[in-house]
Amino acid sequence: MKFLMSILFVATFLFSSDATIEVVKKVDSLPTLALEDASIHTDNLLKMKFFKMLVADMNVISLFNVDRHYRNNEFDSFKVLNENNSMNYVLRYNIYEDDSKNLNVSVKLIQDNKTTMIKNYKISNSAIYMFVSHAIAYDINEFMGEKSVEWMKKKVIFSRIVGNQKSELVIADYTLSYQHTIISGGFNVFPKWADKNQQAFYYTSLDGNKPVLKYVDTQTGRVETLLSSDGMLICSDVSEDGKELLLTMAPSGQPDVYLYNVLSKKYQRLTKYGGIDVNGQFMGKDKIVFISERLGYPNVFSKNLVTNEVEQMVYYGNSNSSCSVNGEYIVYKARESSNSFSNNTFNLHLISTKTDFIRRLTATGINEFPRFSKDGDAILFIKNYKSQSSIGIIRLNHNKNYLFPLSYGRVQSMDW
């Protein structure tokens, strides 16, 4: 019996270390958390917005079963409300404006009527209150000793289609509660952050006779035209140090993956197949992953840049037309039927280059353009379902998905 239990323990440990194995956490097994608002002189609309955002963020970190009831209490009260006595944790907060018109938020995390964590936050503009909520969730996740959710504090940049050959480039938080249109007018697509600090980005302009790749410095407003190409020109990935780009270009009519050096402004062709090779992604220092039709349909391949060896990476799905890479893991989009002309569901799947396991991550609608967070903890993706366009978050280790719908338009592509 002891031997059998040991085998089961080892098997469980091995499975839990592989993100392709589905991890199911029962909601009832999570500790409960309630919120108490101690704000007094704050606008009621802002109070309700902040409460809803904080509930959403605390749900997304997936550590608690969050109570959605809105309740008030005094910030310095020694006891939680009677309604919250049965809760494992209470998060109490106070929103107030100081003499300099800065928005301040004081926070207490309470367990058994004892304060276990206290922090203060300050921002100069109440319109970006959601980033305070994200920071609170991040700090509580850190306090609880969980894997970092640094991605919650990052910004998302996306292209929103608003009309025929018309789009907007928008910078947002991951919930789309904050949205700032940074470029409007014309047809601009495929934005890509240029650095870890998210202070610049690339995008493709389709307003002229040829696609043009542009660079925008968000701090200074400087816009630089890098190059143009016949047929197609997309920046699909940026190296870890920001010095190299993977581009899809078709200067001779056939799309291929190119490596572009930011400093020298020179590029070299990496794929030379007679068909379509697109959407290159860096996979370590000397390897890329890309989409190719060399099997007669789109699928995921890798290429070793030292040996030039090309390898098929995915053996499940039809029309596997987009992907993202993080370490040994690849997430890709696959059509769920073999009929190219029928209404289809496109789902996201996760594979490991070290195992044969495949994990399906979505179930309905058209799910596409997956993007790993830098730490691999989460996947951002676009979901189109019943005329609604949304940005979704997949928490891999918690087996949970969250959707944040767009109020208007359709998301064409995005990065974070």
Protein backbone atom coordinates (compact mmCIF):
# COMPACT_ATOMS: atom_id res chain seq x y z
CA MET A 1 0.00 0.00 0.00
CA LYS A 2 2.81 2.41 0.89
CA PHE A 3 4.50 1.57 -2.41
CA LEU A 4 1.28 2.34 -4.34
CA MET A 5 0.85 5.66 -2.52
CA SER A 6 4.45 6.59 -3.35
CA ILE A 7 3.84 5.93 -7.04
CA LEU A 8 0.69 8.06 -6.97
CA PHE A 9 2.56 10.88 -5.22
CA VAL A 10 5.39 10.85 -7.77
CA ALA A 11 2.91 10.74 -10.66
CA THR A 12 0.99 13.69 -9.23
CA PHE A 13 4.21 15.68 -8.78
CA LEU A 14 5.32 15.00 -12.35
CA PHE A 15 1.94 15.91 -13.81
CA SER A 16 1.67 19.14 -11.83
CA SER A 17 4.98 20.33 -13.29
CA ASP A 18 3.68 19.99 -16.85
CA ALA A 19 1.40 22.81 -18.03
CA THR A 20 -0.11 20.54 -20.68
CA ILE A 21 -1.72 18.48 -17.92
CA GLU A 22 -5.07 19.96 -16.99
CA VAL A 23 -5.11 21.16 -13.38
CA VAL A 24 -8.58 21.41 -11.85
CA LYS A 25 -9.13 23.39 -8.65
CA LYS A 26 -12.57 23.15 -7.07
CA VAL A 27 -13.96 26.57 -6.19
CA ASP A 28 -15.19 25.25 -2.85
CA SER A 29 -11.64 24.35 -1.85
CA LEU A 30 -10.38 27.93 -2.18
CA PRO A 31 -10.35 30.24 0.87
CA THR A 32 -13.12 32.82 0.90
CA LEU A 33 -12.52 36.56 0.56
CA ALA A 34 -14.87 39.51 1.12
CA LEU A 35 -14.31 43.21 0.41
CA GLU A 36 -15.13 46.10 2.72
CA ASP A 37 -15.12 49.67 1.40
CA ALA A 38 -14.07 52.27 3.98
CA SER A 39 -14.16 55.25 1.59
CA ILE A 40 -16.11 58.27 2.85
CA HIS A 41 -15.68 61.35 0.66
CA THR A 42 -15.18 59.56 -2.64
CA ASP A 43 -17.50 59.84 -5.64
CA ASN A 44 -20.03 56.99 -5.60
CA LEU A 45 -19.44 56.12 -9.25
CA LEU A 46 -15.70 55.79 -8.69
CA LYS A 47 -16.31 53.68 -5.57
CA MET A 48 -18.48 51.20 -7.48
CA LYS A 49 -16.07 51.05 -10.42
CA PHE A 50 -13.15 50.38 -8.10
CA PHE A 51 -15.09 47.71 -6.19
CA LYS A 52 -16.02 45.85 -9.38
CA MET A 53 -12.47 46.06 -10.68
CA LEU A 54 -11.03 44.77 -7.41
CA VAL A 55 -13.49 41.84 -7.41
CA ALA A 56 -12.46 41.01 -10.98
CA ASP A 57 -8.72 41.22 -10.18
CA MET A 58 -9.06 39.07 -7.07
CA ASN A 59 -10.92 36.48 -9.14
CA VAL A 60 -8.25 36.51 -11.84
CA ILE A 61 -5.40 35.77 -9.43
CA SER A 62 -7.45 32.61 -8.70
CA LEU A 63 -6.51 32.26 -5.02
CA PHE A 64 -9.89 32.98 -3.44
CA ASN A 65 -13.58 32.33 -3.72
CA VAL A 66 -14.52 36.02 -3.88
CA ASP A 67 -17.78 37.33 -2.38
CA ARG A 68 -19.42 39.83 -4.76
CA HIS A 69 -21.51 41.71 -2.16
CA TYR A 70 -20.65 45.39 -1.73
CA ARG A 71 -20.37 46.39 1.95
CA ASN A 72 -19.04 49.34 3.96
CA ASN A 73 -17.02 49.42 7.15
CA GLU A 74 -14.72 51.86 8.95
CA PHE A 75 -11.09 51.50 7.94
CA ASP A 76 -9.79 51.38 11.53
CA SER A 77 -12.53 49.10 12.84
CA PHE A 78 -11.16 46.27 14.99
CA LYS A 79 -13.74 43.81 13.67
CA VAL A 80 -14.98 42.80 10.27
CA LEU A 81 -18.69 43.11 9.50
CA ASN A 82 -20.97 40.44 10.93
CA GLU A 83 -21.77 39.32 7.38
CA ASN A 84 -18.07 38.60 6.85
CA ASN A 85 -17.35 36.69 10.07
CA SER A 86 -17.33 33.38 8.22
CA MET A 87 -14.87 34.61 5.59
CA ASN A 88 -11.28 33.38 5.66
CA TYR A 89 -10.00 36.79 4.54
CA VAL A 90 -11.36 40.33 4.33
CA LEU A 91 -9.84 42.97 2.08
CA ARG A 92 -10.63 46.43 3.45
CA TYR A 93 -9.73 49.58 1.51
CA ASN A 94 -10.09 53.34 1.72
CA ILE A 95 -10.09 55.58 -1.35
CA TYR A 96 -9.42 59.27 -0.72
CA GLU A 97 -8.02 62.39 -2.38
CA ASP A 98 -5.15 64.29 -0.78
CA ASP A 99 -4.49 68.05 -0.82
CA SER A 100 -2.59 67.72 -4.11
CA LYS A 101 -5.61 66.03 -5.74
CA ASN A 102 -3.79 62.70 -5.92
CA LEU A 103 -5.90 59.58 -5.57
CA ASN A 104 -4.79 57.48 -2.59
CA VAL A 105 -5.84 53.95 -1.69
CA SER A 106 -5.03 52.36 1.67
CA VAL A 107 -5.47 48.59 1.92
CA LYS A 108 -5.64 46.03 4.72
CA LEU A 109 -5.78 42.27 4.35
CA ILE A 110 -7.47 40.86 7.45
CA GLN A 111 -7.54 37.28 8.73
CA ASP A 112 -9.31 36.34 11.98
CA ASN A 113 -9.78 40.06 12.74
CA LYS A 114 -6.03 40.60 12.57
CA THR A 115 -4.34 42.73 9.91
CA THR A 116 -1.81 40.57 8.08
CA MET A 117 -0.87 43.04 5.34
CA ILE A 118 -1.21 46.80 4.92
CA LYS A 119 -0.17 48.94 1.94
CA ASN A 120 -0.75 52.40 0.49
CA TYR A 121 -1.01 53.41 -3.17
CA LYS A 122 -1.03 56.79 -4.89
CA ILE A 123 -1.74 57.94 -8.44
CA SER A 124 -2.08 61.43 -9.87
CA ASN A 125 -5.07 60.65 -12.10
CA SER A 126 -8.19 58.87 -10.87
CA ALA A 127 -9.00 57.85 -14.46
CA ILE A 128 -6.36 55.10 -14.19
CA TYR A 129 -7.76 53.66 -10.94
CA MET A 130 -7.76 50.18 -12.50
CA PHE A 131 -3.95 50.03 -12.38
CA VAL A 132 -4.12 50.52 -8.59
CA SER A 133 -6.51 47.59 -8.40
CA HIS A 134 -4.14 45.48 -10.51
CA ALA A 135 -1.24 46.46 -8.22
CA ILE A 136 -3.24 45.46 -5.13
CA ALA A 137 -4.01 42.04 -6.62
CA TYR A 138 -0.35 41.64 -7.60
CA ASP A 139 0.85 42.49 -4.07
CA ILE A 140 -1.65 40.16 -2.38
CA ASN A 141 -0.61 37.36 -4.73
CA GLU A 142 3.02 38.03 -3.73
CA PHE A 143 2.08 38.13 -0.03
CA MET A 144 0.37 34.75 -0.35
CA GLY A 145 3.61 33.33 -1.76
CA GLU A 146 2.22 32.49 -5.20
CA LYS A 147 3.93 32.60 -8.58
CA SER A 148 4.31 36.18 -9.81
CA VAL A 149 1.51 37.76 -11.84
CA GLU A 150 3.65 40.63 -13.14
CA TRP A 151 1.61 40.53 -16.36
CA MET A 152 -1.37 42.07 -14.53
CA LYS A 153 0.47 45.40 -14.37
CA LYS A 154 1.49 45.34 -18.03
CA LYS A 155 -0.34 47.20 -20.79
CA VAL A 156 -1.95 45.62 -23.83
CA ILE A 157 -1.72 47.20 -27.26
CA PHE A 158 -4.22 46.18 -29.92
CA SER A 159 -5.59 47.12 -33.32
CA ARG A 160 -9.35 47.72 -33.38
CA ILE A 161 -11.20 47.52 -36.69
CA VAL A 162 -13.82 50.29 -36.70
CA GLY A 163 -14.85 50.36 -40.38
CA ASN A 164 -13.93 49.41 -43.92
CA GLN A 165 -10.12 49.77 -44.11
CA LYS A 166 -10.21 51.80 -40.89
CA SER A 167 -8.66 50.95 -37.55
CA GLU A 168 -7.38 52.37 -34.27
CA LEU A 169 -4.31 51.44 -32.28
CA VAL A 170 -5.25 51.32 -28.61
CA ILE A 171 -3.22 50.96 -25.41
CA ALA A 172 -5.20 49.36 -22.59
CA ASP A 173 -4.97 47.41 -19.38
CA TYR A 174 -5.63 43.68 -19.63
CA THR A 175 -9.31 44.07 -18.65
CA LEU A 176 -9.92 46.80 -21.29
CA SER A 177 -11.25 49.07 -18.52
CA TYR A 178 -8.61 51.62 -19.47
CA GLN A 179 -8.31 52.43 -23.17
CA HIS A 180 -6.22 55.13 -24.82
CA THR A 181 -6.36 55.47 -28.60
CA ILE A 182 -2.80 56.35 -29.57
CA ILE A 183 -3.18 56.25 -33.38
CA SER A 184 -6.40 56.81 -35.32
CA GLY A 185 -7.22 57.36 -38.96
CA GLY A 186 -6.08 55.05 -41.75
CA PHE A 187 -5.61 51.30 -41.62
CA ASN A 188 -2.97 50.33 -39.07
CA VAL A 189 -2.57 46.74 -37.87
CA PHE A 190 -0.33 44.21 -36.05
CA PRO A 191 1.07 46.38 -33.22
CA LYS A 192 4.02 44.89 -31.32
CA TRP A 193 5.75 46.23 -28.20
CA ALA A 194 9.38 47.15 -28.95
CA ASP A 195 10.79 46.65 -25.44
CA LYS A 196 10.10 45.22 -22.00
CA ASN A 197 9.28 48.66 -20.62
CA GLN A 198 6.50 49.10 -23.20
CA GLN A 199 7.76 52.56 -24.11
CA ALA A 200 7.70 52.02 -27.87
CA PHE A 201 5.99 49.80 -30.40
CA TYR A 202 6.00 48.71 -34.05
CA TYR A 203 3.02 48.47 -36.35
CA THR A 204 2.13 48.00 -40.01
CA SER A 205 0.52 50.84 -41.96
CA LEU A 206 -1.58 49.78 -44.96
CA ASP A 207 -2.49 53.25 -46.20
CA GLY A 208 -0.13 53.41 -49.19
CA ASN A 209 0.68 51.23 -52.18
CA LYS A 210 2.97 49.08 -50.04
CA PRO A 211 2.77 47.94 -46.41
CA VAL A 212 5.05 50.08 -44.24
CA LEU A 213 6.60 49.08 -40.90
CA LYS A 214 6.68 51.98 -38.44
CA TYR A 215 8.19 52.57 -35.00
CA VAL A 216 6.54 54.80 -32.38
CA ASP A 217 8.16 56.12 -29.20
CA THR A 218 5.27 56.62 -26.77
CA GLN A 219 7.36 58.86 -24.49
CA THR A 220 8.35 61.43 -27.11
CA GLY A 221 5.75 60.81 -29.81
CA ARG A 222 8.48 60.23 -32.40
CA VAL A 223 7.36 58.13 -35.39
CA GLU A 224 9.95 56.48 -37.64
CA THR A 225 9.42 54.59 -40.89
CA LEU A 226 11.68 51.53 -40.92
CA LEU A 227 11.00 49.82 -44.26
CA SER A 228 8.35 48.83 -46.78
CA SER A 229 7.79 45.69 -48.83
CA ASP A 230 5.50 44.44 -51.56
CA GLY A 231 2.67 42.13 -50.59
CA MET A 232 3.14 41.72 -46.84
CA LEU A 233 5.10 43.25 -43.97
CA ILE A 234 4.45 42.31 -40.34
CA CYS A 235 6.57 42.35 -37.20
CA SER A 236 5.61 39.06 -35.51
CA ASP A 237 8.15 38.98 -32.66
CA VAL A 238 10.83 41.00 -30.88
CA SER A 239 13.93 39.44 -29.31
CA GLU A 240 14.38 39.50 -25.53
CA ASP A 241 16.92 42.36 -25.77
CA GLY A 242 14.87 44.26 -28.35
CA LYS A 243 17.72 44.27 -30.89
CA GLU A 244 16.20 41.88 -33.44
CA LEU A 245 12.80 41.51 -35.05
CA LEU A 246 11.17 38.63 -36.86
CA LEU A 247 9.33 39.95 -39.89
CA THR A 248 7.00 38.39 -42.41
CA MET A 249 7.76 39.92 -45.81
CA ALA A 250 7.00 39.08 -49.42
CA PRO A 251 9.35 41.23 -51.55
CA SER A 252 9.14 38.69 -54.38
CA GLY A 253 5.50 37.78 -53.91
CA GLN A 254 6.07 34.76 -51.63
CA PRO A 255 5.84 35.33 -47.83
CA ASP A 256 8.89 34.31 -45.81
CA VAL A 257 10.29 34.92 -42.35
CA TYR A 258 13.11 37.47 -42.10
CA LEU A 259 15.44 38.52 -39.29
CA TYR A 260 15.79 42.31 -38.95
CA ASN A 261 18.62 43.97 -37.01
CA VAL A 262 17.35 47.12 -35.29
CA LEU A 263 20.78 48.78 -35.08
CA SER A 264 22.09 48.08 -38.58
CA LYS A 265 18.61 48.24 -40.17
CA LYS A 266 19.56 45.23 -42.31
CA TYR A 267 17.62 42.00 -42.69
CA GLN A 268 18.22 38.43 -43.82
CA ARG A 269 15.84 35.78 -45.11
CA LEU A 270 15.44 32.82 -42.73
CA THR A 271 12.94 30.57 -44.53
CA LYS A 272 13.27 29.63 -48.19
CA TYR A 273 10.41 27.23 -48.85
CA GLY A 274 8.56 27.72 -52.16
CA GLY A 275 5.23 28.20 -50.36
CA ILE A 276 3.98 30.32 -47.48
CA ASP A 277 6.07 30.82 -44.30
CA VAL A 278 4.77 33.42 -41.83
CA ASN A 279 4.45 34.46 -38.16
CA GLY A 280 7.96 33.75 -36.89
CA GLN A 281 8.47 33.52 -33.10
CA PHE A 282 11.78 33.37 -31.25
CA MET A 283 12.34 30.07 -29.44
CA GLY A 284 15.54 30.64 -27.53
CA LYS A 285 18.69 32.11 -29.07
CA ASP A 286 19.18 29.95 -32.19
CA LYS A 287 15.71 28.67 -33.01
CA ILE A 288 12.44 30.04 -34.35
CA VAL A 289 8.91 28.68 -34.63
CA PHE A 290 6.75 29.69 -37.58
CA ILE A 291 3.62 28.80 -39.57
CA SER A 292 4.10 27.07 -42.92
CA GLU A 293 1.91 25.46 -45.60
CA ARG A 294 4.57 22.93 -46.58
CA LEU A 295 2.17 20.08 -45.64
CA GLY A 296 -0.57 21.49 -47.83
CA TYR A 297 -2.25 23.27 -44.91
CA PRO A 298 -1.01 25.73 -42.25
CA ASN A 299 0.92 24.06 -39.44
CA VAL A 300 3.59 24.87 -36.84
CA PHE A 301 7.26 24.22 -37.64
CA SER A 302 10.58 25.12 -36.06
CA LYS A 303 13.92 25.96 -37.65
CA ASN A 304 17.35 25.71 -36.09
CA LEU A 305 19.22 28.81 -37.28
CA VAL A 306 22.60 27.10 -36.84
CA THR A 307 21.94 23.76 -38.58
CA ASN A 308 19.01 25.00 -40.77
CA GLU A 309 17.07 21.88 -39.71
CA VAL A 310 13.28 22.27 -40.05
CA GLU A 311 10.98 20.21 -37.80
CA GLN A 312 7.22 19.78 -37.64
CA MET A 313 6.05 20.74 -34.13
CA VAL A 314 2.29 20.01 -34.15
CA TYR A 315 0.51 16.80 -35.19
CA TYR A 316 -3.03 17.63 -34.12
CA GLY A 317 -5.56 20.02 -35.64
CA ASN A 318 -6.40 21.57 -39.00
CA SER A 319 -5.36 24.98 -40.25
CA ASN A 320 -3.00 25.68 -37.35
CA SER A 321 -2.55 29.28 -38.35
CA SER A 322 -1.13 31.17 -35.36
CA CYS A 323 1.07 30.39 -32.38
CA SER A 324 3.09 31.74 -29.46
CA VAL A 325 6.13 30.30 -27.66
CA ASN A 326 7.36 30.34 -24.08
CA GLY A 327 10.26 28.08 -23.19
CA GLU A 328 9.31 24.49 -24.04
CA TYR A 329 5.62 25.35 -24.55
CA ILE A 330 3.76 26.28 -27.72
CA VAL A 331 0.15 27.50 -27.81
CA TYR A 332 -1.50 27.41 -31.22
CA LYS A 333 -4.83 27.96 -32.96
CA ALA A 334 -6.47 24.98 -34.67
CA ARG A 335 -9.65 24.54 -36.67
CA GLU A 336 -11.83 21.84 -35.10
CA SER A 337 -13.25 20.39 -38.34
CA SER A 338 -11.79 19.44 -41.72
CA ASN A 339 -14.35 21.38 -43.77
CA SER A 340 -12.79 24.63 -44.92
CA PHE A 341 -16.15 26.05 -46.06
CA SER A 342 -18.39 25.37 -43.04
CA ASN A 343 -18.83 27.33 -39.85
CA ASN A 344 -15.97 26.22 -37.64
CA THR A 345 -14.80 26.51 -34.08
CA PHE A 346 -11.17 27.55 -33.75
CA ASN A 347 -9.69 26.53 -30.41
CA LEU A 348 -6.36 27.10 -28.71
CA HIS A 349 -4.21 24.12 -27.77
CA LEU A 350 -1.08 23.84 -25.63
CA ILE A 351 1.77 21.43 -26.29
CA SER A 352 5.17 20.80 -24.76
CA THR A 353 8.21 20.08 -26.90
CA LYS A 354 9.25 17.51 -24.26
CA THR A 355 6.05 15.43 -24.03
CA ASP A 356 3.25 14.14 -26.29
CA PHE A 357 0.45 15.71 -24.25
CA ILE A 358 -1.97 18.16 -25.89
CA ARG A 359 -4.22 20.37 -23.78
CA ARG A 360 -7.21 22.16 -25.29
CA LEU A 361 -7.60 25.59 -23.71
CA THR A 362 -10.87 26.91 -25.23
CA ALA A 363 -14.21 25.41 -26.26
CA THR A 364 -16.42 27.72 -28.35
CA GLY A 365 -16.18 30.49 -30.93
CA ILE A 366 -13.13 31.68 -32.85
CA ASN A 367 -10.14 31.84 -30.52
CA GLU A 368 -6.98 33.22 -32.06
CA PHE A 369 -3.82 35.29 -31.77
CA PRO A 370 -2.55 33.69 -28.52
CA ARG A 371 0.23 35.49 -26.67
CA PHE A 372 2.12 34.13 -23.66
CA SER A 373 2.92 36.40 -20.76
CA LYS A 374 6.69 36.82 -20.35
CA ASP A 375 6.72 34.43 -17.39
CA GLY A 376 4.49 31.87 -19.11
CA ASP A 377 1.91 32.03 -16.32
CA ALA A 378 -0.93 33.24 -18.55
CA ILE A 379 -2.05 33.43 -22.17
CA LEU A 380 -3.79 36.44 -23.69
CA PHE A 381 -5.96 35.78 -26.74
CA ILE A 382 -8.69 37.18 -28.97
CA LYS A 383 -12.14 35.59 -28.90
CA ASN A 384 -14.87 36.31 -31.44
CA TYR A 385 -18.23 34.73 -30.63
CA LYS A 386 -21.78 35.72 -31.64
CA SER A 387 -20.70 39.10 -33.06
CA GLN A 388 -18.85 39.96 -29.83
CA SER A 389 -15.09 40.59 -29.83
CA SER A 390 -13.25 40.06 -26.54
CA ILE A 391 -9.80 39.73 -25.09
CA GLY A 392 -9.39 36.64 -22.94
CA ILE A 393 -6.99 35.54 -20.22
CA ILE A 394 -6.12 31.88 -19.59
CA ARG A 395 -4.54 31.04 -16.21
CA LEU A 396 -2.73 27.84 -17.11
CA ASN A 397 -1.92 26.57 -13.64
CA HIS A 398 -5.41 27.33 -12.35
CA ASN A 399 -7.39 26.02 -15.35
CA LYS A 400 -9.47 29.20 -15.57
CA ASN A 401 -10.47 31.50 -18.43
CA TYR A 402 -11.66 35.10 -18.18
CA LEU A 403 -13.18 37.25 -20.94
CA PHE A 404 -13.22 41.05 -21.24
CA PRO A 405 -15.50 42.21 -24.10
CA LEU A 406 -14.77 45.16 -26.38
CA SER A 407 -17.45 47.85 -26.27
CA TYR A 408 -17.28 48.45 -30.03
CA GLY A 409 -15.31 47.36 -33.08
CA ARG A 410 -13.35 44.13 -33.51
CA VAL A 411 -9.88 43.25 -32.23
CA GLN A 412 -7.62 42.53 -35.22
CA SER A 413 -4.40 41.71 -33.35
CA MET A 414 -2.70 42.55 -30.07
CA ASP A 415 0.40 42.24 -27.92
CA TRP A 416 1.29 42.61 -24.24
